Amino acid sequence: MGARDTVIEEYTAQLQACMYQYSRAIYRSIKDLIEVKEGVAAACAFIEEQIEAGALDGGVARCRATTRKGKPCQRTPLPDRDYCPSHQHLERSKVAA
């Protein structure tokens, strides 16, 4: 690793430290204006929705159907389809409608 790389790494570390301090200063100035518990609950709910929708599992597609209990189907859809083998009849009825 050359001197230039070392300088770049030191500069990057300095920028990260400054950004952290800036972020903390913003948080300290607004923390009394927000309800942290509500914010965390909203973030958790959003993440759970994204997980159920299959958005956070590496881009793996999920069947668009729901189970009898109202939860999203966790199976992988057929290639170039929206539904898994168990729910493929829903795609046919969607096309017919």
PDB file of N, CA and C in Angstrom:
ATOM      1  N   MET A   1       0.851  -1.169   0.000  1.00  0.00           N
ATOM      2  CA  MET A   1       0.000   0.000   0.000  1.00  0.00           C
ATOM      3  C   MET A   1       0.897   1.233   0.000  1.00  0.00           C
ATOM      4  N   GLY A   2       0.647   2.143  -0.904  1.00  0.00           N
ATOM      5  CA  GLY A   2       1.485   3.313  -1.040  1.00  0.00           C
ATOM      6  C   GLY A   2       1.063   4.449  -0.132  1.00  0.00           C
ATOM      7  N   ALA A   3       1.863   5.506  -0.167  1.00  0.00           N
ATOM      8  CA  ALA A   3       1.596   6.672   0.664  1.00  0.00           C
ATOM      9  C   ALA A   3       0.262   7.323   0.283  1.00  0.00           C
ATOM     10  N   ARG A   4      -0.039   7.310  -1.003  1.00  0.00           N
ATOM     11  CA  ARG A   4      -1.302   7.902  -1.478  1.00  0.00           C
ATOM     12  C   ARG A   4      -2.492   7.166  -0.892  1.00  0.00           C
ATOM     13  N   ASP A   5      -2.437   5.823  -0.862  1.00  0.00           N
ATOM     14  CA  ASP A   5      -3.526   5.022  -0.294  1.00  0.00           C
ATOM     15  C   ASP A   5      -3.702   5.307   1.191  1.00  0.00           C
ATOM     16  N   THR A   6      -2.596   5.483   1.894  1.00  0.00           N
ATOM     17  CA  THR A   6      -2.650   5.780   3.321  1.00  0.00           C
ATOM     18  C   THR A   6      -3.317   7.129   3.558  1.00  0.00           C
ATOM     19  N   VAL A   7      -2.970   8.107   2.754  1.00  0.00           N
ATOM     20  CA  VAL A   7      -3.557   9.444   2.872  1.00  0.00           C
ATOM     21  C   VAL A   7      -5.065   9.378   2.600  1.00  0.00           C
ATOM     22  N   ILE A   8      -5.454   8.628   1.595  1.00  0.00           N
ATOM     23  CA  ILE A   8      -6.871   8.490   1.257  1.00  0.00           C
ATOM     24  C   ILE A   8      -7.624   7.811   2.397  1.00  0.00           C
ATOM     25  N   GLU A   9      -7.057   6.772   2.968  1.00  0.00           N
ATOM     26  CA  GLU A   9      -7.703   6.075   4.080  1.00  0.00           C
ATOM     27  C   GLU A   9      -7.839   6.976   5.296  1.00  0.00           C
ATOM     28  N   GLU A  10      -6.797   7.756   5.596  1.00  0.00           N
ATOM     29  CA  GLU A  10      -6.853   8.684   6.733  1.00  0.00           C
ATOM     30  C   GLU A  10      -7.915   9.752   6.490  1.00  0.00           C
ATOM     31  N   TYR A  11      -7.985  10.260   5.285  1.00  0.00           N
ATOM     32  CA  TYR A  11      -8.981  11.276   4.939  1.00  0.00           C
ATOM     33  C   TYR A  11     -10.396  10.707   5.040  1.00  0.00           C
ATOM     34  N   THR A  12     -10.575   9.481   4.580  1.00  0.00           N
ATOM     35  CA  THR A  12     -11.876   8.818   4.664  1.00  0.00           C
ATOM     36  C   THR A  12     -12.289   8.628   6.112  1.00  0.00           C
ATOM     37  N   ALA A  13     -11.370   8.188   6.955  1.00  0.00           N
ATOM     38  CA  ALA A  13     -11.658   8.002   8.377  1.00  0.00           C
ATOM     39  C   ALA A  13     -12.032   9.323   9.036  1.00  0.00           C
ATOM     40  N   GLN A  14     -11.344  10.399   8.651  1.00  0.00           N
ATOM     41  CA  GLN A  14     -11.637  11.719   9.195  1.00  0.00           C
ATOM     42  C   GLN A  14     -13.035  12.182   8.761  1.00  0.00           C
ATOM     43  N   LEU A  15     -13.383  11.959   7.513  1.00  0.00           N
ATOM     44  CA  LEU A  15     -14.715  12.321   7.033  1.00  0.00           C
ATOM     45  C   LEU A  15     -15.808  11.534   7.751  1.00  0.00           C
ATOM     46  N   GLN A  16     -15.559  10.246   7.971  1.00  0.00           N
ATOM     47  CA  GLN A  16     -16.543   9.420   8.675  1.00  0.00           C
ATOM     48  C   GLN A  16     -16.747   9.907  10.103  1.00  0.00           C
ATOM     49  N   ALA A  17     -15.659  10.278  10.768  1.00  0.00           N
ATOM     50  CA  ALA A  17     -15.769  10.790  12.130  1.00  0.00           C
ATOM     51  C   ALA A  17     -16.545  12.105  12.153  1.00  0.00           C
ATOM     52  N   CYS A  18     -16.282  12.969  11.195  1.00  0.00           N
ATOM     53  CA  CYS A  18     -17.006  14.241  11.109  1.00  0.00           C
ATOM     54  C   CYS A  18     -18.490  14.006  10.828  1.00  0.00           C
ATOM     55  N   MET A  19     -18.787  13.080   9.942  1.00  0.00           N
ATOM     56  CA  MET A  19     -20.176  12.784   9.606  1.00  0.00           C
ATOM     57  C   MET A  19     -20.913  12.228  10.811  1.00  0.00           C
ATOM     58  N   TYR A  20     -20.252  11.366  11.576  1.00  0.00           N
ATOM     59  CA  TYR A  20     -20.861  10.824  12.788  1.00  0.00           C
ATOM     60  C   TYR A  20     -21.192  11.951  13.765  1.00  0.00           C
ATOM     61  N   GLN A  21     -20.246  12.853  13.987  1.00  0.00           N
ATOM     62  CA  GLN A  21     -20.481  13.973  14.904  1.00  0.00           C
ATOM     63  C   GLN A  21     -21.616  14.869  14.401  1.00  0.00           C
ATOM     64  N   TYR A  22     -21.675  15.095  13.115  1.00  0.00           N
ATOM     65  CA  TYR A  22     -22.744  15.899  12.513  1.00  0.00           C
ATOM     66  C   TYR A  22     -24.094  15.217  12.725  1.00  0.00           C
ATOM     67  N   SER A  23     -24.143  13.909  12.497  1.00  0.00           N
ATOM     68  CA  SER A  23     -25.367  13.145  12.682  1.00  0.00           C
ATOM     69  C   SER A  23     -25.819  13.197  14.138  1.00  0.00           C
ATOM     70  N   ARG A  24     -24.892  13.042  15.065  1.00  0.00           N
ATOM     71  CA  ARG A  24     -25.226  13.101  16.493  1.00  0.00           C
ATOM     72  C   ARG A  24     -25.746  14.483  16.869  1.00  0.00           C
ATOM     73  N   ALA A  25     -25.153  15.526  16.312  1.00  0.00           N
ATOM     74  CA  ALA A  25     -25.602  16.890  16.612  1.00  0.00           C
ATOM     75  C   ALA A  25     -27.038  17.104  16.127  1.00  0.00           C
ATOM     76  N   ILE A  26     -27.352  16.587  14.956  1.00  0.00           N
ATOM     77  CA  ILE A  26     -28.725  16.693  14.446  1.00  0.00           C
ATOM     78  C   ILE A  26     -29.677  15.943  15.380  1.00  0.00           C
ATOM     79  N   TYR A  27     -29.307  14.742  15.759  1.00  0.00           N
ATOM     80  CA  TYR A  27     -30.158  13.953  16.650  1.00  0.00           C
ATOM     81  C   TYR A  27     -30.388  14.688  17.974  1.00  0.00           C
ATOM     82  N   ARG A  28     -29.318  15.213  18.563  1.00  0.00           N
ATOM     83  CA  ARG A  28     -29.462  15.911  19.846  1.00  0.00           C
ATOM     84  C   ARG A  28     -30.368  17.126  19.721  1.00  0.00           C
ATOM     85  N   SER A  29     -30.349  17.783  18.590  1.00  0.00           N
ATOM     86  CA  SER A  29     -31.177  18.976  18.429  1.00  0.00           C
ATOM     87  C   SER A  29     -32.654  18.654  18.195  1.00  0.00           C
ATOM     88  N   ILE A  30     -32.975  17.467  17.692  1.00  0.00           N
ATOM     89  CA  ILE A  30     -34.380  17.148  17.410  1.00  0.00           C
ATOM     90  C   ILE A  30     -34.966  16.068  18.310  1.00  0.00           C
ATOM     91  N   LYS A  31     -34.153  15.483  19.189  1.00  0.00           N
ATOM     92  CA  LYS A  31     -34.626  14.333  19.966  1.00  0.00           C
ATOM     93  C   LYS A  31     -35.837  14.646  20.827  1.00  0.00           C
ATOM     94  N   ASP A  32     -35.952  15.867  21.319  1.00  0.00           N
ATOM     95  CA  ASP A  32     -37.097  16.217  22.155  1.00  0.00           C
ATOM     96  C   ASP A  32     -38.351  16.488  21.333  1.00  0.00           C
ATOM     97  N   LEU A  33     -38.205  16.637  20.040  1.00  0.00           N
ATOM     98  CA  LEU A  33     -39.341  16.917  19.173  1.00  0.00           C
ATOM     99  C   LEU A  33     -40.015  15.657  18.644  1.00  0.00           C
ATOM    100  N   ILE A  34     -39.374  14.513  18.820  1.00  0.00           N
ATOM    101  CA  ILE A  34     -39.921  13.262  18.283  1.00  0.00           C
ATOM    102  C   ILE A  34     -40.143  12.255  19.397  1.00  0.00           C
ATOM    103  N   GLU A  35     -41.044  11.381  19.185  1.00  0.00           N
ATOM    104  CA  GLU A  35     -41.283  10.271  20.104  1.00  0.00           C
ATOM    105  C   GLU A  35     -40.477   9.090  19.583  1.00  0.00           C
ATOM    106  N   VAL A  36     -39.361   8.772  20.220  1.00  0.00           N
ATOM    107  CA  VAL A  36     -38.431   7.755  19.723  1.00  0.00           C
ATOM    108  C   VAL A  36     -39.097   6.399  19.621  1.00  0.00           C
ATOM    109  N   LYS A  37     -39.937   6.053  20.628  1.00  0.00           N
ATOM    110  CA  LYS A  37     -40.596   4.753  20.623  1.00  0.00           C
ATOM    111  C   LYS A  37     -41.503   4.608  19.405  1.00  0.00           C
ATOM    112  N   GLU A  38     -42.219   5.669  19.055  1.00  0.00           N
ATOM    113  CA  GLU A  38     -43.086   5.611  17.872  1.00  0.00           C
ATOM    114  C   GLU A  38     -42.264   5.450  16.604  1.00  0.00           C
ATOM    115  N   GLY A  39     -41.147   6.160  16.538  1.00  0.00           N
ATOM    116  CA  GLY A  39     -40.284   6.062  15.367  1.00  0.00           C
ATOM    117  C   GLY A  39     -39.720   4.664  15.195  1.00  0.00           C
ATOM    118  N   VAL A  40     -39.296   4.073  16.294  1.00  0.00           N
ATOM    119  CA  VAL A  40     -38.741   2.720  16.247  1.00  0.00           C
ATOM    120  C   VAL A  40     -39.839   1.730  15.877  1.00  0.00           C
ATOM    121  N   ALA A  41     -41.030   1.900  16.453  1.00  0.00           N
ATOM    122  CA  ALA A  41     -42.140   0.997  16.136  1.00  0.00           C
ATOM    123  C   ALA A  41     -42.509   1.097  14.662  1.00  0.00           C
ATOM    124  N   ALA A  42     -42.529   2.318  14.124  1.00  0.00           N
ATOM    125  CA  ALA A  42     -42.841   2.500  12.702  1.00  0.00           C
ATOM    126  C   ALA A  42     -41.771   1.861  11.827  1.00  0.00           C
ATOM    127  N   ALA A  43     -40.506   2.019  12.216  1.00  0.00           N
ATOM    128  CA  ALA A  43     -39.421   1.410  11.442  1.00  0.00           C
ATOM    129  C   ALA A  43     -39.518  -0.112  11.474  1.00  0.00           C
ATOM    130  N   CYS A  44     -39.814  -0.672  12.648  1.00  0.00           N
ATOM    131  CA  CYS A  44     -39.951  -2.127  12.767  1.00  0.00           C
ATOM    132  C   CYS A  44     -41.111  -2.641  11.929  1.00  0.00           C
ATOM    133  N   ALA A  45     -42.230  -1.925  11.956  1.00  0.00           N
ATOM    134  CA  ALA A  45     -43.396  -2.330  11.158  1.00  0.00           C
ATOM    135  C   ALA A  45     -43.065  -2.292   9.672  1.00  0.00           C
ATOM    136  N   PHE A  46     -42.362  -1.251   9.246  1.00  0.00           N
ATOM    137  CA  PHE A  46     -41.982  -1.138   7.839  1.00  0.00           C
ATOM    138  C   PHE A  46     -41.076  -2.291   7.416  1.00  0.00           C
ATOM    139  N   ILE A  47     -40.094  -2.605   8.246  1.00  0.00           N
ATOM    140  CA  ILE A  47     -39.168  -3.687   7.927  1.00  0.00           C
ATOM    141  C   ILE A  47     -39.902  -5.019   7.873  1.00  0.00           C
ATOM    142  N   GLU A  48     -40.822  -5.255   8.815  1.00  0.00           N
ATOM    143  CA  GLU A  48     -41.594  -6.496   8.796  1.00  0.00           C
ATOM    144  C   GLU A  48     -42.432  -6.611   7.524  1.00  0.00           C
ATOM    145  N   GLU A  49     -43.035  -5.499   7.098  1.00  0.00           N
ATOM    146  CA  GLU A  49     -43.803  -5.504   5.845  1.00  0.00           C
ATOM    147  C   GLU A  49     -42.911  -5.838   4.662  1.00  0.00           C
ATOM    148  N   GLN A  50     -41.713  -5.273   4.646  1.00  0.00           N
ATOM    149  CA  GLN A  50     -40.784  -5.524   3.548  1.00  0.00           C
ATOM    150  C   GLN A  50     -40.333  -6.983   3.538  1.00  0.00           C
ATOM    151  N   ILE A  51     -40.108  -7.542   4.715  1.00  0.00           N
ATOM    152  CA  ILE A  51     -39.709  -8.947   4.808  1.00  0.00           C
ATOM    153  C   ILE A  51     -40.834  -9.834   4.301  1.00  0.00           C
ATOM    154  N   GLU A  52     -42.070  -9.553   4.736  1.00  0.00           N
ATOM    155  CA  GLU A  52     -43.209 -10.357   4.299  1.00  0.00           C
ATOM    156  C   GLU A  52     -43.424 -10.249   2.794  1.00  0.00           C
ATOM    157  N   ALA A  53     -43.113  -9.082   2.241  1.00  0.00           N
ATOM    158  CA  ALA A  53     -43.270  -8.890   0.802  1.00  0.00           C
ATOM    159  C   ALA A  53     -42.114  -9.499   0.014  1.00  0.00           C
ATOM    160  N   GLY A  54     -41.064  -9.933   0.707  1.00  0.00           N
ATOM    161  CA  GLY A  54     -39.922 -10.548   0.043  1.00  0.00           C
ATOM    162  C   GLY A  54     -38.910  -9.555  -0.481  1.00  0.00           C
ATOM    163  N   ALA A  55     -39.027  -8.302  -0.068  1.00  0.00           N
ATOM    164  CA  ALA A  55     -38.126  -7.279  -0.588  1.00  0.00           C
ATOM    165  C   ALA A  55     -36.738  -7.325   0.037  1.00  0.00           C
ATOM    166  N   LEU A  56     -36.594  -7.926   1.201  1.00  0.00           N
ATOM    167  CA  LEU A  56     -35.311  -7.897   1.894  1.00  0.00           C
ATOM    168  C   LEU A  56     -34.598  -9.237   1.940  1.00  0.00           C
ATOM    169  N   ASP A  57     -35.037 -10.181   1.154  1.00  0.00           N
ATOM    170  CA  ASP A  57     -34.388 -11.494   1.205  1.00  0.00           C
ATOM    171  C   ASP A  57     -33.592 -11.781  -0.062  1.00  0.00           C
ATOM    172  N   GLY A  58     -32.846 -10.794  -0.479  1.00  0.00           N
ATOM    173  CA  GLY A  58     -31.966 -10.988  -1.623  1.00  0.00           C
ATOM    174  C   GLY A  58     -32.675 -10.937  -2.964  1.00  0.00           C
ATOM    175  N   GLY A  59     -33.854 -10.354  -2.998  1.00  0.00           N
ATOM    176  CA  GLY A  59     -34.572 -10.223  -4.250  1.00  0.00           C
ATOM    177  C   GLY A  59     -35.273 -11.494  -4.695  1.00  0.00           C
ATOM    178  N   VAL A  60     -35.429 -12.463  -3.788  1.00  0.00           N
ATOM    179  CA  VAL A  60     -36.123 -13.694  -4.126  1.00  0.00           C
ATOM    180  C   VAL A  60     -37.615 -13.394  -4.229  1.00  0.00           C
ATOM    181  N   ALA A  61     -38.198 -13.769  -5.330  1.00  0.00           N
ATOM    182  CA  ALA A  61     -39.619 -13.500  -5.535  1.00  0.00           C
ATOM    183  C   ALA A  61     -40.461 -14.378  -4.617  1.00  0.00           C
ATOM    184  N   ARG A  62     -41.599 -13.867  -4.212  1.00  0.00           N
ATOM    185  CA  ARG A  62     -42.547 -14.606  -3.399  1.00  0.00           C
ATOM    186  C   ARG A  62     -43.887 -14.640  -4.106  1.00  0.00           C
ATOM    187  N   CYS A  63     -44.614 -15.694  -3.879  1.00  0.00           N
ATOM    188  CA  CYS A  63     -45.959 -15.856  -4.426  1.00  0.00           C
ATOM    189  C   CYS A  63     -46.817 -14.676  -3.962  1.00  0.00           C
ATOM    190  N   ARG A  64     -47.685 -14.171  -4.821  1.00  0.00           N
ATOM    191  CA  ARG A  64     -48.514 -13.019  -4.492  1.00  0.00           C
ATOM    192  C   ARG A  64     -49.779 -13.386  -3.726  1.00  0.00           C
ATOM    193  N   ALA A  65     -50.035 -14.669  -3.539  1.00  0.00           N
ATOM    194  CA  ALA A  65     -51.243 -15.121  -2.850  1.00  0.00           C
ATOM    195  C   ALA A  65     -51.076 -15.002  -1.338  1.00  0.00           C
ATOM    196  N   THR A  66     -52.196 -15.116  -0.631  1.00  0.00           N
ATOM    197  CA  THR A  66     -52.175 -15.144   0.818  1.00  0.00           C
ATOM    198  C   THR A  66     -52.678 -16.496   1.299  1.00  0.00           C
ATOM    199  N   THR A  67     -52.253 -16.869   2.486  1.00  0.00           N
ATOM    200  CA  THR A  67     -52.676 -18.140   3.063  1.00  0.00           C
ATOM    201  C   THR A  67     -54.070 -17.989   3.661  1.00  0.00           C
ATOM    202  N   ARG A  68     -54.620 -19.084   4.158  1.00  0.00           N
ATOM    203  CA  ARG A  68     -55.943 -19.035   4.790  1.00  0.00           C
ATOM    204  C   ARG A  68     -55.950 -18.153   6.027  1.00  0.00           C
ATOM    205  N   LYS A  69     -54.792 -18.030   6.650  1.00  0.00           N
ATOM    206  CA  LYS A  69     -54.683 -17.188   7.847  1.00  0.00           C
ATOM    207  C   LYS A  69     -54.418 -15.725   7.500  1.00  0.00           C
ATOM    208  N   GLY A  70     -54.346 -15.414   6.206  1.00  0.00           N
ATOM    209  CA  GLY A  70     -54.148 -14.032   5.782  1.00  0.00           C
ATOM    210  C   GLY A  70     -52.700 -13.587   5.676  1.00  0.00           C
ATOM    211  N   LYS A  71     -51.775 -14.491   5.863  1.00  0.00           N
ATOM    212  CA  LYS A  71     -50.348 -14.166   5.741  1.00  0.00           C
ATOM    213  C   LYS A  71     -49.903 -14.366   4.297  1.00  0.00           C
ATOM    214  N   PRO A  72     -48.883 -13.636   3.858  1.00  0.00           N
ATOM    215  CA  PRO A  72     -48.382 -13.847   2.500  1.00  0.00           C
ATOM    216  C   PRO A  72     -47.806 -15.247   2.321  1.00  0.00           C
ATOM    217  N   CYS A  73     -48.068 -15.840   1.185  1.00  0.00           N
ATOM    218  CA  CYS A  73     -47.501 -17.151   0.860  1.00  0.00           C
ATOM    219  C   CYS A  73     -45.986 -16.998   0.768  1.00  0.00           C
ATOM    220  N   GLN A  74     -45.265 -17.945   1.323  1.00  0.00           N
ATOM    221  CA  GLN A  74     -43.807 -17.874   1.359  1.00  0.00           C
ATOM    222  C   GLN A  74     -43.135 -18.650   0.235  1.00  0.00           C
ATOM    223  N   ARG A  75     -43.916 -19.290  -0.606  1.00  0.00           N
ATOM    224  CA  ARG A  75     -43.329 -20.109  -1.661  1.00  0.00           C
ATOM    225  C   ARG A  75     -42.846 -19.264  -2.835  1.00  0.00           C
ATOM    226  N   THR A  76     -41.926 -19.827  -3.580  1.00  0.00           N
ATOM    227  CA  THR A  76     -41.383 -19.167  -4.765  1.00  0.00           C
ATOM    228  C   THR A  76     -42.330 -19.384  -5.936  1.00  0.00           C
ATOM    229  N   PRO A  77     -42.656 -18.327  -6.671  1.00  0.00           N
ATOM    230  CA  PRO A  77     -43.555 -18.496  -7.813  1.00  0.00           C
ATOM    231  C   PRO A  77     -42.904 -19.287  -8.943  1.00  0.00           C
ATOM    232  N   LEU A  78     -43.739 -19.772  -9.816  1.00  0.00           N
ATOM    233  CA  LEU A  78     -43.253 -20.458 -11.008  1.00  0.00           C
ATOM    234  C   LEU A  78     -42.467 -19.475 -11.868  1.00  0.00           C
ATOM    235  N   PRO A  79     -41.557 -19.959 -12.692  1.00  0.00           N
ATOM    236  CA  PRO A  79     -40.782 -19.043 -13.549  1.00  0.00           C
ATOM    237  C   PRO A  79     -41.702 -18.171 -14.405  1.00  0.00           C
ATOM    238  N   ASP A  80     -41.414 -16.881 -14.441  1.00  0.00           N
ATOM    239  CA  ASP A  80     -42.165 -15.895 -15.218  1.00  0.00           C
ATOM    240  C   ASP A  80     -43.637 -15.825 -14.807  1.00  0.00           C
ATOM    241  N   ARG A  81     -43.931 -16.149 -13.559  1.00  0.00           N
ATOM    242  CA  ARG A  81     -45.308 -16.111 -13.049  1.00  0.00           C
ATOM    243  C   ARG A  81     -45.336 -15.337 -11.736  1.00  0.00           C
ATOM    244  N   ASP A  82     -46.553 -15.010 -11.291  1.00  0.00           N
ATOM    245  CA  ASP A  82     -46.733 -14.315 -10.018  1.00  0.00           C
ATOM    246  C   ASP A  82     -47.075 -15.256  -8.878  1.00  0.00           C
ATOM    247  N   TYR A  83     -47.465 -16.495  -9.198  1.00  0.00           N
ATOM    248  CA  TYR A  83     -47.957 -17.410  -8.185  1.00  0.00           C
ATOM    249  C   TYR A  83     -47.169 -18.722  -8.166  1.00  0.00           C
ATOM    250  N   CYS A  84     -47.169 -19.366  -6.989  1.00  0.00           N
ATOM    251  CA  CYS A  84     -46.511 -20.666  -6.824  1.00  0.00           C
ATOM    252  C   CYS A  84     -47.416 -21.763  -7.397  1.00  0.00           C
ATOM    253  N   PRO A  85     -46.917 -23.002  -7.455  1.00  0.00           N
ATOM    254  CA  PRO A  85     -47.753 -24.086  -7.983  1.00  0.00           C
ATOM    255  C   PRO A  85     -49.077 -24.257  -7.241  1.00  0.00           C
ATOM    256  N   SER A  86     -49.082 -24.032  -5.931  1.00  0.00           N
ATOM    257  CA  SER A  86     -50.311 -24.192  -5.160  1.00  0.00           C
ATOM    258  C   SER A  86     -51.347 -23.127  -5.470  1.00  0.00           C
ATOM    259  N   HIS A  87     -50.900 -21.972  -5.921  1.00  0.00           N
ATOM    260  CA  HIS A  87     -51.823 -20.864  -6.174  1.00  0.00           C
ATOM    261  C   HIS A  87     -51.900 -20.464  -7.650  1.00  0.00           C
ATOM    262  N   GLN A  88     -51.404 -21.315  -8.533  1.00  0.00           N
ATOM    263  CA  GLN A  88     -51.375 -20.953  -9.951  1.00  0.00           C
ATOM    264  C   GLN A  88     -52.777 -20.754 -10.521  1.00  0.00           C
ATOM    265  N   HIS A  89     -53.769 -21.366  -9.896  1.00  0.00           N
ATOM    266  CA  HIS A  89     -55.148 -21.190 -10.374  1.00  0.00           C
ATOM    267  C   HIS A  89     -55.606 -19.742 -10.228  1.00  0.00           C
ATOM    268  N   LEU A  90     -55.024 -18.995  -9.316  1.00  0.00           N
ATOM    269  CA  LEU A  90     -55.379 -17.581  -9.140  1.00  0.00           C
ATOM    270  C   LEU A  90     -54.925 -16.742 -10.332  1.00  0.00           C
ATOM    271  N   GLU A  91     -53.826 -17.130 -10.937  1.00  0.00           N
ATOM    272  CA  GLU A  91     -53.333 -16.395 -12.103  1.00  0.00           C
ATOM    273  C   GLU A  91     -54.269 -16.625 -13.296  1.00  0.00           C
ATOM    274  N   ARG A  92     -54.736 -17.833 -13.442  1.00  0.00           N
ATOM    275  CA  ARG A  92     -55.666 -18.121 -14.546  1.00  0.00           C
ATOM    276  C   ARG A  92     -56.942 -17.324 -14.384  1.00  0.00           C
ATOM    277  N   SER A  93     -57.460 -17.224 -13.156  1.00  0.00           N
ATOM    278  CA  SER A  93     -58.704 -16.494 -12.948  1.00  0.00           C
ATOM    279  C   SER A  93     -58.481 -14.988 -13.132  1.00  0.00           C
ATOM    280  N   LYS A  94     -57.275 -14.505 -12.849  1.00  0.00           N
ATOM    281  CA  LYS A  94     -56.952 -13.100 -13.046  1.00  0.00           C
ATOM    282  C   LYS A  94     -56.933 -12.773 -14.530  1.00  0.00           C
ATOM    283  N   VAL A  95     -56.379 -13.666 -15.342  1.00  0.00           N
ATOM    284  CA  VAL A  95     -56.311 -13.463 -16.792  1.00  0.00           C
ATOM    285  C   VAL A  95     -57.712 -13.520 -17.401  1.00  0.00           C
ATOM    286  N   ALA A  96     -58.551 -14.423 -16.894  1.00  0.00           N
ATOM    287  CA  ALA A  96     -59.902 -14.582 -17.444  1.00  0.00           C
ATOM    288  C   ALA A  96     -60.789 -13.390 -17.111  1.00  0.00           C
ATOM    289  N   ALA A  97     -60.498 -12.693 -16.029  1.00  0.00           N
ATOM    290  CA  ALA A  97     -61.349 -11.590 -15.582  1.00  0.00           C
ATOM    291  C   ALA A  97     -61.183 -10.345 -16.395  1.00  0.00           C
TER     292      ALA A  97
END
